[in-house]
Amino acid sequence: MFICILLACKATCQNKKLILSIEDTLVYNSYKLFQMRHKLPDLSKSTDSIYVRIVENSIININYIHEFKYNNGIWYGRIIAYGSKEYYRFYTSFVLFNKLHSFGSKKTKNLDILYQKNISPSYSDSEISWDSIAQEIIKLGEIRTQAIADTSENTVNDGVWYDIEFSTPETVKFIYWANPKYASFSEDSNAVLKMETLIEEIIIPESKSRWRQIKKRNWP
């Protein structure tokens, strides 16, 4: 079941309806905290024709956010790396009497890794273009969330899960999917699987040297 909530925006933005499944309320609240913590643009205030954010989550240290927006007849895309890592302030090791010895400081954890770079279509296949990519992205605005569409009742303790937010000038829709390859087959799960292929294979980030530290609202 989806519910609609009217979001009050500032004067520079039209009011938008939030389309949210009751089953996803807790997940959505957690996602909004994530958005504010990392100072990501609030899509309820976006004036772009289409703005889609796909937050990829997993148990690994570094994950990715894929964002696509369409405005004035042009598609744009970026990928943001986020997560945490542990490191030593100093570390050394040596061999003495055929035994390895190592010493290091206590690990320090960095919780706010945020880097971004542009993403662009791979032209290894002549059929791959922003037009073909847009077809898959637009489908995300039409599908149901997993709590409604998936009847498999499969539970997987690890894997990958997605927070997907789809914004237009009138509405913001939030859907959640976890481990879609284990879900019951439907047009909804198939669209999410195609999205996985899109962000993992079709979209190729530019060279690693182009990673830049993220700044609020500034695309690379």
C-alpha atoms as a PDB file:
ATOM      1  CA  MET A   1       0.000   0.000   0.000  1.00  0.00           C
ATOM      2  CA  PHE A   2       1.370   3.411  -0.989  1.00  0.00           C
ATOM      3  CA  ILE A   3       0.531   6.596   0.850  1.00  0.00           C
ATOM      4  CA  CYS A   4       0.884  10.171  -0.388  1.00  0.00           C
ATOM      5  CA  ILE A   5       2.139  12.967   1.826  1.00  0.00           C
ATOM      6  CA  LEU A   6       2.320  16.611   0.784  1.00  0.00           C
ATOM      7  CA  LEU A   7       5.796  18.023   1.307  1.00  0.00           C
ATOM      8  CA  ALA A   8       6.050  21.736   2.060  1.00  0.00           C
ATOM      9  CA  CYS A   9       9.006  23.253   0.208  1.00  0.00           C
ATOM     10  CA  LYS A  10      10.484  26.715   0.275  1.00  0.00           C
ATOM     11  CA  ALA A  11       9.056  29.411  -1.943  1.00  0.00           C
ATOM     12  CA  THR A  12      11.504  28.526  -4.698  1.00  0.00           C
ATOM     13  CA  CYS A  13      10.015  25.041  -5.014  1.00  0.00           C
ATOM     14  CA  GLN A  14       6.594  23.658  -5.797  1.00  0.00           C
ATOM     15  CA  ASN A  15       4.863  21.447  -3.254  1.00  0.00           C
ATOM     16  CA  LYS A  16       5.557  17.776  -3.942  1.00  0.00           C
ATOM     17  CA  LYS A  17       3.695  14.637  -2.972  1.00  0.00           C
ATOM     18  CA  LEU A  18       5.737  11.936  -1.254  1.00  0.00           C
ATOM     19  CA  ILE A  19       4.774   8.478  -2.526  1.00  0.00           C
ATOM     20  CA  LEU A  20       5.793   6.025   0.176  1.00  0.00           C
ATOM     21  CA  SER A  21       4.710   2.524   1.115  1.00  0.00           C
ATOM     22  CA  ILE A  22       3.667   2.192   4.750  1.00  0.00           C
ATOM     23  CA  GLU A  23       5.940  -0.855   4.970  1.00  0.00           C
ATOM     24  CA  ASP A  24       8.938   1.310   4.015  1.00  0.00           C
ATOM     25  CA  THR A  25       8.382   4.055   6.592  1.00  0.00           C
ATOM     26  CA  LEU A  26      11.241   3.043   8.913  1.00  0.00           C
ATOM     27  CA  VAL A  27      13.618   2.501   5.996  1.00  0.00           C
ATOM     28  CA  TYR A  28      12.693   5.901   4.582  1.00  0.00           C
ATOM     29  CA  ASN A  29      13.355   7.639   7.893  1.00  0.00           C
ATOM     30  CA  SER A  30      16.787   6.006   8.040  1.00  0.00           C
ATOM     31  CA  TYR A  31      17.454   7.052   4.446  1.00  0.00           C
ATOM     32  CA  LYS A  32      16.569  10.688   5.220  1.00  0.00           C
ATOM     33  CA  LEU A  33      19.059  10.690   8.101  1.00  0.00           C
ATOM     34  CA  PHE A  34      21.671   9.281   5.696  1.00  0.00           C
ATOM     35  CA  GLN A  35      20.870  12.041   3.197  1.00  0.00           C
ATOM     36  CA  MET A  36      21.255  14.782   5.814  1.00  0.00           C
ATOM     37  CA  ARG A  37      24.418  13.296   7.308  1.00  0.00           C
ATOM     38  CA  HIS A  38      26.158  13.269   3.947  1.00  0.00           C
ATOM     39  CA  LYS A  39      24.661  16.619   2.899  1.00  0.00           C
ATOM     40  CA  LEU A  40      23.097  15.208  -0.256  1.00  0.00           C
ATOM     41  CA  PRO A  41      20.573  17.386  -2.120  1.00  0.00           C
ATOM     42  CA  ASP A  42      17.021  17.108  -0.802  1.00  0.00           C
ATOM     43  CA  LEU A  43      15.054  15.797  -3.782  1.00  0.00           C
ATOM     44  CA  SER A  44      11.825  17.190  -2.373  1.00  0.00           C
ATOM     45  CA  LYS A  45      13.275  20.574  -3.316  1.00  0.00           C
ATOM     46  CA  SER A  46      14.690  19.569  -6.702  1.00  0.00           C
ATOM     47  CA  THR A  47      13.463  21.559  -9.698  1.00  0.00           C
ATOM     48  CA  ASP A  48      14.916  19.144 -12.278  1.00  0.00           C
ATOM     49  CA  SER A  49      12.541  17.387 -14.661  1.00  0.00           C
ATOM     50  CA  ILE A  50      13.770  14.030 -13.314  1.00  0.00           C
ATOM     51  CA  TYR A  51      16.240  13.380 -10.492  1.00  0.00           C
ATOM     52  CA  VAL A  52      16.945   9.782  -9.460  1.00  0.00           C
ATOM     53  CA  ARG A  53      19.168   8.678  -6.580  1.00  0.00           C
ATOM     54  CA  ILE A  54      20.143   5.025  -6.126  1.00  0.00           C
ATOM     55  CA  VAL A  55      21.929   4.325  -2.842  1.00  0.00           C
ATOM     56  CA  GLU A  56      23.705   0.985  -2.912  1.00  0.00           C
ATOM     57  CA  ASN A  57      24.206  -0.582   0.523  1.00  0.00           C
ATOM     58  CA  SER A  58      26.156  -3.682   1.553  1.00  0.00           C
ATOM     59  CA  ILE A  59      28.327  -4.984   4.377  1.00  0.00           C
ATOM     60  CA  ILE A  60      31.561  -3.880   2.675  1.00  0.00           C
ATOM     61  CA  ASN A  61      33.352  -0.705   3.789  1.00  0.00           C
ATOM     62  CA  ILE A  62      32.897   1.326   0.610  1.00  0.00           C
ATOM     63  CA  ASN A  63      29.589   1.611  -1.246  1.00  0.00           C
ATOM     64  CA  TYR A  64      28.252   3.841  -4.010  1.00  0.00           C
ATOM     65  CA  ILE A  65      25.497   6.327  -4.709  1.00  0.00           C
ATOM     66  CA  HIS A  66      24.418   6.705  -8.340  1.00  0.00           C
ATOM     67  CA  GLU A  67      22.581   9.865  -9.299  1.00  0.00           C
ATOM     68  CA  PHE A  68      20.940  10.725 -12.612  1.00  0.00           C
ATOM     69  CA  LYS A  69      19.148  13.915 -13.501  1.00  0.00           C
ATOM     70  CA  TYR A  70      17.446  15.238 -16.596  1.00  0.00           C
ATOM     71  CA  ASN A  71      17.043  18.935 -17.200  1.00  0.00           C
ATOM     72  CA  ASN A  72      16.719  21.151 -20.260  1.00  0.00           C
ATOM     73  CA  GLY A  73      16.836  18.100 -22.540  1.00  0.00           C
ATOM     74  CA  ILE A  74      20.152  16.768 -21.171  1.00  0.00           C
ATOM     75  CA  TRP A  75      20.957  13.765 -18.949  1.00  0.00           C
ATOM     76  CA  TYR A  76      23.696  13.973 -16.317  1.00  0.00           C
ATOM     77  CA  GLY A  77      25.148  11.294 -14.062  1.00  0.00           C
ATOM     78  CA  ARG A  78      27.566  10.996 -11.177  1.00  0.00           C
ATOM     79  CA  ILE A  79      28.802   8.302  -8.820  1.00  0.00           C
ATOM     80  CA  ILE A  80      29.628   9.001  -5.175  1.00  0.00           C
ATOM     81  CA  ALA A  81      31.800   6.667  -3.107  1.00  0.00           C
ATOM     82  CA  TYR A  82      30.918   6.623   0.578  1.00  0.00           C
ATOM     83  CA  GLY A  83      31.725   4.528   3.603  1.00  0.00           C
ATOM     84  CA  SER A  84      34.319   4.067   6.324  1.00  0.00           C
ATOM     85  CA  LYS A  85      37.837   2.765   6.661  1.00  0.00           C
ATOM     86  CA  GLU A  86      40.311   2.013   9.410  1.00  0.00           C
ATOM     87  CA  TYR A  87      43.960   2.923   9.279  1.00  0.00           C
ATOM     88  CA  TYR A  88      47.069   3.054  11.483  1.00  0.00           C
ATOM     89  CA  ARG A  89      48.791   6.336  12.316  1.00  0.00           C
ATOM     90  CA  PHE A  90      51.996   4.331  12.178  1.00  0.00           C
ATOM     91  CA  TYR A  91      52.805   0.689  11.456  1.00  0.00           C
ATOM     92  CA  THR A  92      56.044  -1.262  11.108  1.00  0.00           C
ATOM     93  CA  SER A  93      57.108  -4.894  10.861  1.00  0.00           C
ATOM     94  CA  PHE A  94      60.371  -6.806  10.813  1.00  0.00           C
ATOM     95  CA  VAL A  95      61.716 -10.344  10.936  1.00  0.00           C
ATOM     96  CA  LEU A  96      63.825 -11.408  13.928  1.00  0.00           C
ATOM     97  CA  PHE A  97      65.005 -14.967  14.527  1.00  0.00           C
ATOM     98  CA  ASN A  98      62.846 -16.173  11.630  1.00  0.00           C
ATOM     99  CA  LYS A  99      59.726 -14.710  13.199  1.00  0.00           C
ATOM    100  CA  LEU A 100      57.648 -11.784  11.928  1.00  0.00           C
ATOM    101  CA  HIS A 101      57.107  -8.977  14.445  1.00  0.00           C
ATOM    102  CA  SER A 102      54.773  -6.043  13.843  1.00  0.00           C
ATOM    103  CA  PHE A 103      53.837  -2.943  15.776  1.00  0.00           C
ATOM    104  CA  GLY A 104      51.253  -0.280  15.079  1.00  0.00           C
ATOM    105  CA  SER A 105      49.144   2.364  16.708  1.00  0.00           C
ATOM    106  CA  LYS A 106      45.525   1.803  17.545  1.00  0.00           C
ATOM    107  CA  LYS A 107      43.369   1.938  14.441  1.00  0.00           C
ATOM    108  CA  THR A 108      41.576   5.178  13.715  1.00  0.00           C
ATOM    109  CA  LYS A 109      38.236   5.030  11.929  1.00  0.00           C
ATOM    110  CA  ASN A 110      37.239   7.547   9.270  1.00  0.00           C
ATOM    111  CA  LEU A 111      33.462   7.503   8.850  1.00  0.00           C
ATOM    112  CA  ASP A 112      32.978  10.163   6.208  1.00  0.00           C
ATOM    113  CA  ILE A 113      34.574   9.083   2.948  1.00  0.00           C
ATOM    114  CA  LEU A 114      32.829  10.996   0.190  1.00  0.00           C
ATOM    115  CA  TYR A 115      34.309  11.251  -3.295  1.00  0.00           C
ATOM    116  CA  GLN A 116      32.575  11.697  -6.622  1.00  0.00           C
ATOM    117  CA  LYS A 117      33.132  11.610 -10.357  1.00  0.00           C
ATOM    118  CA  ASN A 118      31.108  11.759 -13.538  1.00  0.00           C
ATOM    119  CA  ILE A 119      29.612   8.646 -15.061  1.00  0.00           C
ATOM    120  CA  SER A 120      29.053   8.208 -18.753  1.00  0.00           C
ATOM    121  CA  PRO A 121      27.738   5.456 -21.013  1.00  0.00           C
ATOM    122  CA  SER A 122      30.091   2.876 -22.470  1.00  0.00           C
ATOM    123  CA  TYR A 123      30.193   3.081 -26.230  1.00  0.00           C
ATOM    124  CA  SER A 124      31.634  -0.405 -26.673  1.00  0.00           C
ATOM    125  CA  ASP A 125      28.136  -1.283 -27.890  1.00  0.00           C
ATOM    126  CA  SER A 126      26.651   1.143 -30.392  1.00  0.00           C
ATOM    127  CA  GLU A 127      23.175   0.629 -28.897  1.00  0.00           C
ATOM    128  CA  ILE A 128      24.239   1.985 -25.512  1.00  0.00           C
ATOM    129  CA  SER A 129      23.510   5.669 -25.148  1.00  0.00           C
ATOM    130  CA  TRP A 130      21.851   8.063 -22.752  1.00  0.00           C
ATOM    131  CA  ASP A 131      18.571   7.344 -24.568  1.00  0.00           C
ATOM    132  CA  SER A 132      18.747   3.615 -23.818  1.00  0.00           C
ATOM    133  CA  ILE A 133      19.931   4.264 -20.258  1.00  0.00           C
ATOM    134  CA  ALA A 134      17.088   6.715 -19.705  1.00  0.00           C
ATOM    135  CA  GLN A 135      14.551   4.006 -20.577  1.00  0.00           C
ATOM    136  CA  GLU A 136      15.735   1.891 -17.634  1.00  0.00           C
ATOM    137  CA  ILE A 137      16.027   4.836 -15.252  1.00  0.00           C
ATOM    138  CA  ILE A 138      12.509   6.073 -16.031  1.00  0.00           C
ATOM    139  CA  LYS A 139      11.073   2.599 -15.286  1.00  0.00           C
ATOM    140  CA  LEU A 140      12.136   3.035 -11.644  1.00  0.00           C
ATOM    141  CA  GLY A 141       9.466   5.685 -11.255  1.00  0.00           C
ATOM    142  CA  GLU A 142       6.783   3.165 -12.217  1.00  0.00           C
ATOM    143  CA  ILE A 143       7.675   0.060 -10.190  1.00  0.00           C
ATOM    144  CA  ARG A 144       6.379  -1.121  -6.819  1.00  0.00           C
ATOM    145  CA  THR A 145       8.505  -1.424  -3.723  1.00  0.00           C
ATOM    146  CA  GLN A 146       9.683  -4.886  -2.656  1.00  0.00           C
ATOM    147  CA  ALA A 147       7.341  -5.123   0.338  1.00  0.00           C
ATOM    148  CA  ILE A 148       4.423  -5.079  -2.108  1.00  0.00           C
ATOM    149  CA  ALA A 149       5.825  -6.776  -5.216  1.00  0.00           C
ATOM    150  CA  ASP A 150       7.926  -9.639  -3.804  1.00  0.00           C
ATOM    151  CA  THR A 151       5.988 -12.736  -2.727  1.00  0.00           C
ATOM    152  CA  SER A 152       8.983 -15.073  -2.389  1.00  0.00           C
ATOM    153  CA  GLU A 153       9.496 -14.562   1.369  1.00  0.00           C
ATOM    154  CA  ASN A 154      13.162 -15.408   0.843  1.00  0.00           C
ATOM    155  CA  THR A 155      15.535 -14.072   3.495  1.00  0.00           C
ATOM    156  CA  VAL A 156      19.227 -13.480   2.803  1.00  0.00           C
ATOM    157  CA  ASN A 157      21.502 -12.271   5.587  1.00  0.00           C
ATOM    158  CA  ASP A 158      23.942 -10.460   3.330  1.00  0.00           C
ATOM    159  CA  GLY A 159      24.086  -9.143  -0.193  1.00  0.00           C
ATOM    160  CA  VAL A 160      23.084  -5.724  -1.447  1.00  0.00           C
ATOM    161  CA  TRP A 161      20.075  -3.487  -0.877  1.00  0.00           C
ATOM    162  CA  TYR A 162      18.949  -0.279  -2.538  1.00  0.00           C
ATOM    163  CA  ASP A 163      17.263   2.920  -1.446  1.00  0.00           C
ATOM    164  CA  ILE A 164      15.770   4.466  -4.596  1.00  0.00           C
ATOM    165  CA  GLU A 165      14.333   7.964  -4.708  1.00  0.00           C
ATOM    166  CA  PHE A 166      12.637   9.202  -7.878  1.00  0.00           C
ATOM    167  CA  SER A 167      11.818  12.902  -8.098  1.00  0.00           C
ATOM    168  CA  THR A 168       9.771  14.880 -10.611  1.00  0.00           C
ATOM    169  CA  PRO A 169       8.502  18.465 -10.271  1.00  0.00           C
ATOM    170  CA  GLU A 170       5.247  17.120  -8.766  1.00  0.00           C
ATOM    171  CA  THR A 171       6.204  14.020  -6.748  1.00  0.00           C
ATOM    172  CA  VAL A 172       8.961  12.228  -4.860  1.00  0.00           C
ATOM    173  CA  LYS A 173       8.696   8.435  -4.761  1.00  0.00           C
ATOM    174  CA  PHE A 174      10.728   6.188  -2.447  1.00  0.00           C
ATOM    175  CA  ILE A 175      11.137   2.440  -2.938  1.00  0.00           C
ATOM    176  CA  TYR A 176      13.339  -0.160  -1.278  1.00  0.00           C
ATOM    177  CA  TRP A 177      14.715  -3.414  -2.687  1.00  0.00           C
ATOM    178  CA  ALA A 178      17.081  -5.972  -1.130  1.00  0.00           C
ATOM    179  CA  ASN A 179      18.798  -8.813  -3.001  1.00  0.00           C
ATOM    180  CA  PRO A 180      16.480  -8.586  -6.029  1.00  0.00           C
ATOM    181  CA  LYS A 181      17.962 -11.688  -7.661  1.00  0.00           C
ATOM    182  CA  TYR A 182      16.332 -13.789  -4.919  1.00  0.00           C
ATOM    183  CA  ALA A 183      12.938 -12.096  -5.259  1.00  0.00           C
ATOM    184  CA  SER A 184       9.928 -13.587  -7.017  1.00  0.00           C
ATOM    185  CA  PHE A 185       9.843 -12.673 -10.696  1.00  0.00           C
ATOM    186  CA  SER A 186       7.799  -9.643 -11.645  1.00  0.00           C
ATOM    187  CA  GLU A 187       8.139  -6.582 -13.828  1.00  0.00           C
ATOM    188  CA  ASP A 188       9.251  -4.755 -10.691  1.00  0.00           C
ATOM    189  CA  SER A 189      12.078  -7.122  -9.712  1.00  0.00           C
ATOM    190  CA  ASN A 190      13.124  -7.385 -13.357  1.00  0.00           C
ATOM    191  CA  ALA A 191      13.433  -3.582 -13.555  1.00  0.00           C
ATOM    192  CA  VAL A 192      15.629  -3.557 -10.440  1.00  0.00           C
ATOM    193  CA  LEU A 193      17.837  -6.331 -11.855  1.00  0.00           C
ATOM    194  CA  LYS A 194      18.235  -4.331 -15.057  1.00  0.00           C
ATOM    195  CA  MET A 195      19.149  -1.342 -12.912  1.00  0.00           C
ATOM    196  CA  GLU A 196      21.890  -3.432 -11.276  1.00  0.00           C
ATOM    197  CA  THR A 197      23.268  -4.273 -14.711  1.00  0.00           C
ATOM    198  CA  LEU A 198      23.070  -0.618 -15.645  1.00  0.00           C
ATOM    199  CA  ILE A 199      25.105   0.672 -12.719  1.00  0.00           C
ATOM    200  CA  GLU A 200      27.576  -2.210 -12.638  1.00  0.00           C
ATOM    201  CA  GLU A 201      28.279  -2.839 -16.317  1.00  0.00           C
ATOM    202  CA  ILE A 202      26.757  -0.309 -18.710  1.00  0.00           C
ATOM    203  CA  ILE A 203      27.748   2.840 -16.821  1.00  0.00           C
ATOM    204  CA  ILE A 204      31.523   3.164 -16.728  1.00  0.00           C
ATOM    205  CA  PRO A 205      33.069   5.827 -14.472  1.00  0.00           C
ATOM    206  CA  GLU A 206      35.892   7.921 -15.832  1.00  0.00           C
ATOM    207  CA  SER A 207      39.477   7.130 -14.802  1.00  0.00           C
ATOM    208  CA  LYS A 208      40.290   6.894 -11.097  1.00  0.00           C
ATOM    209  CA  SER A 209      42.331  10.062 -11.323  1.00  0.00           C
ATOM    210  CA  ARG A 210      39.080  11.978 -11.771  1.00  0.00           C
ATOM    211  CA  TRP A 211      37.735  11.230  -8.289  1.00  0.00           C
ATOM    212  CA  ARG A 212      37.085  14.510  -6.476  1.00  0.00           C
ATOM    213  CA  GLN A 213      36.032  15.281  -2.953  1.00  0.00           C
ATOM    214  CA  ILE A 214      32.326  15.953  -2.871  1.00  0.00           C
ATOM    215  CA  LYS A 215      30.939  19.366  -2.114  1.00  0.00           C
ATOM    216  CA  LYS A 216      27.274  19.956  -1.333  1.00  0.00           C
ATOM    217  CA  ARG A 217      25.204  20.279  -4.504  1.00  0.00           C
ATOM    218  CA  ASN A 218      28.303  20.571  -6.718  1.00  0.00           C
ATOM    219  CA  TRP A 219      28.604  17.889  -9.377  1.00  0.00           C
ATOM    220  CA  PRO A 220      32.080  17.077 -10.761  1.00  0.00           C
END
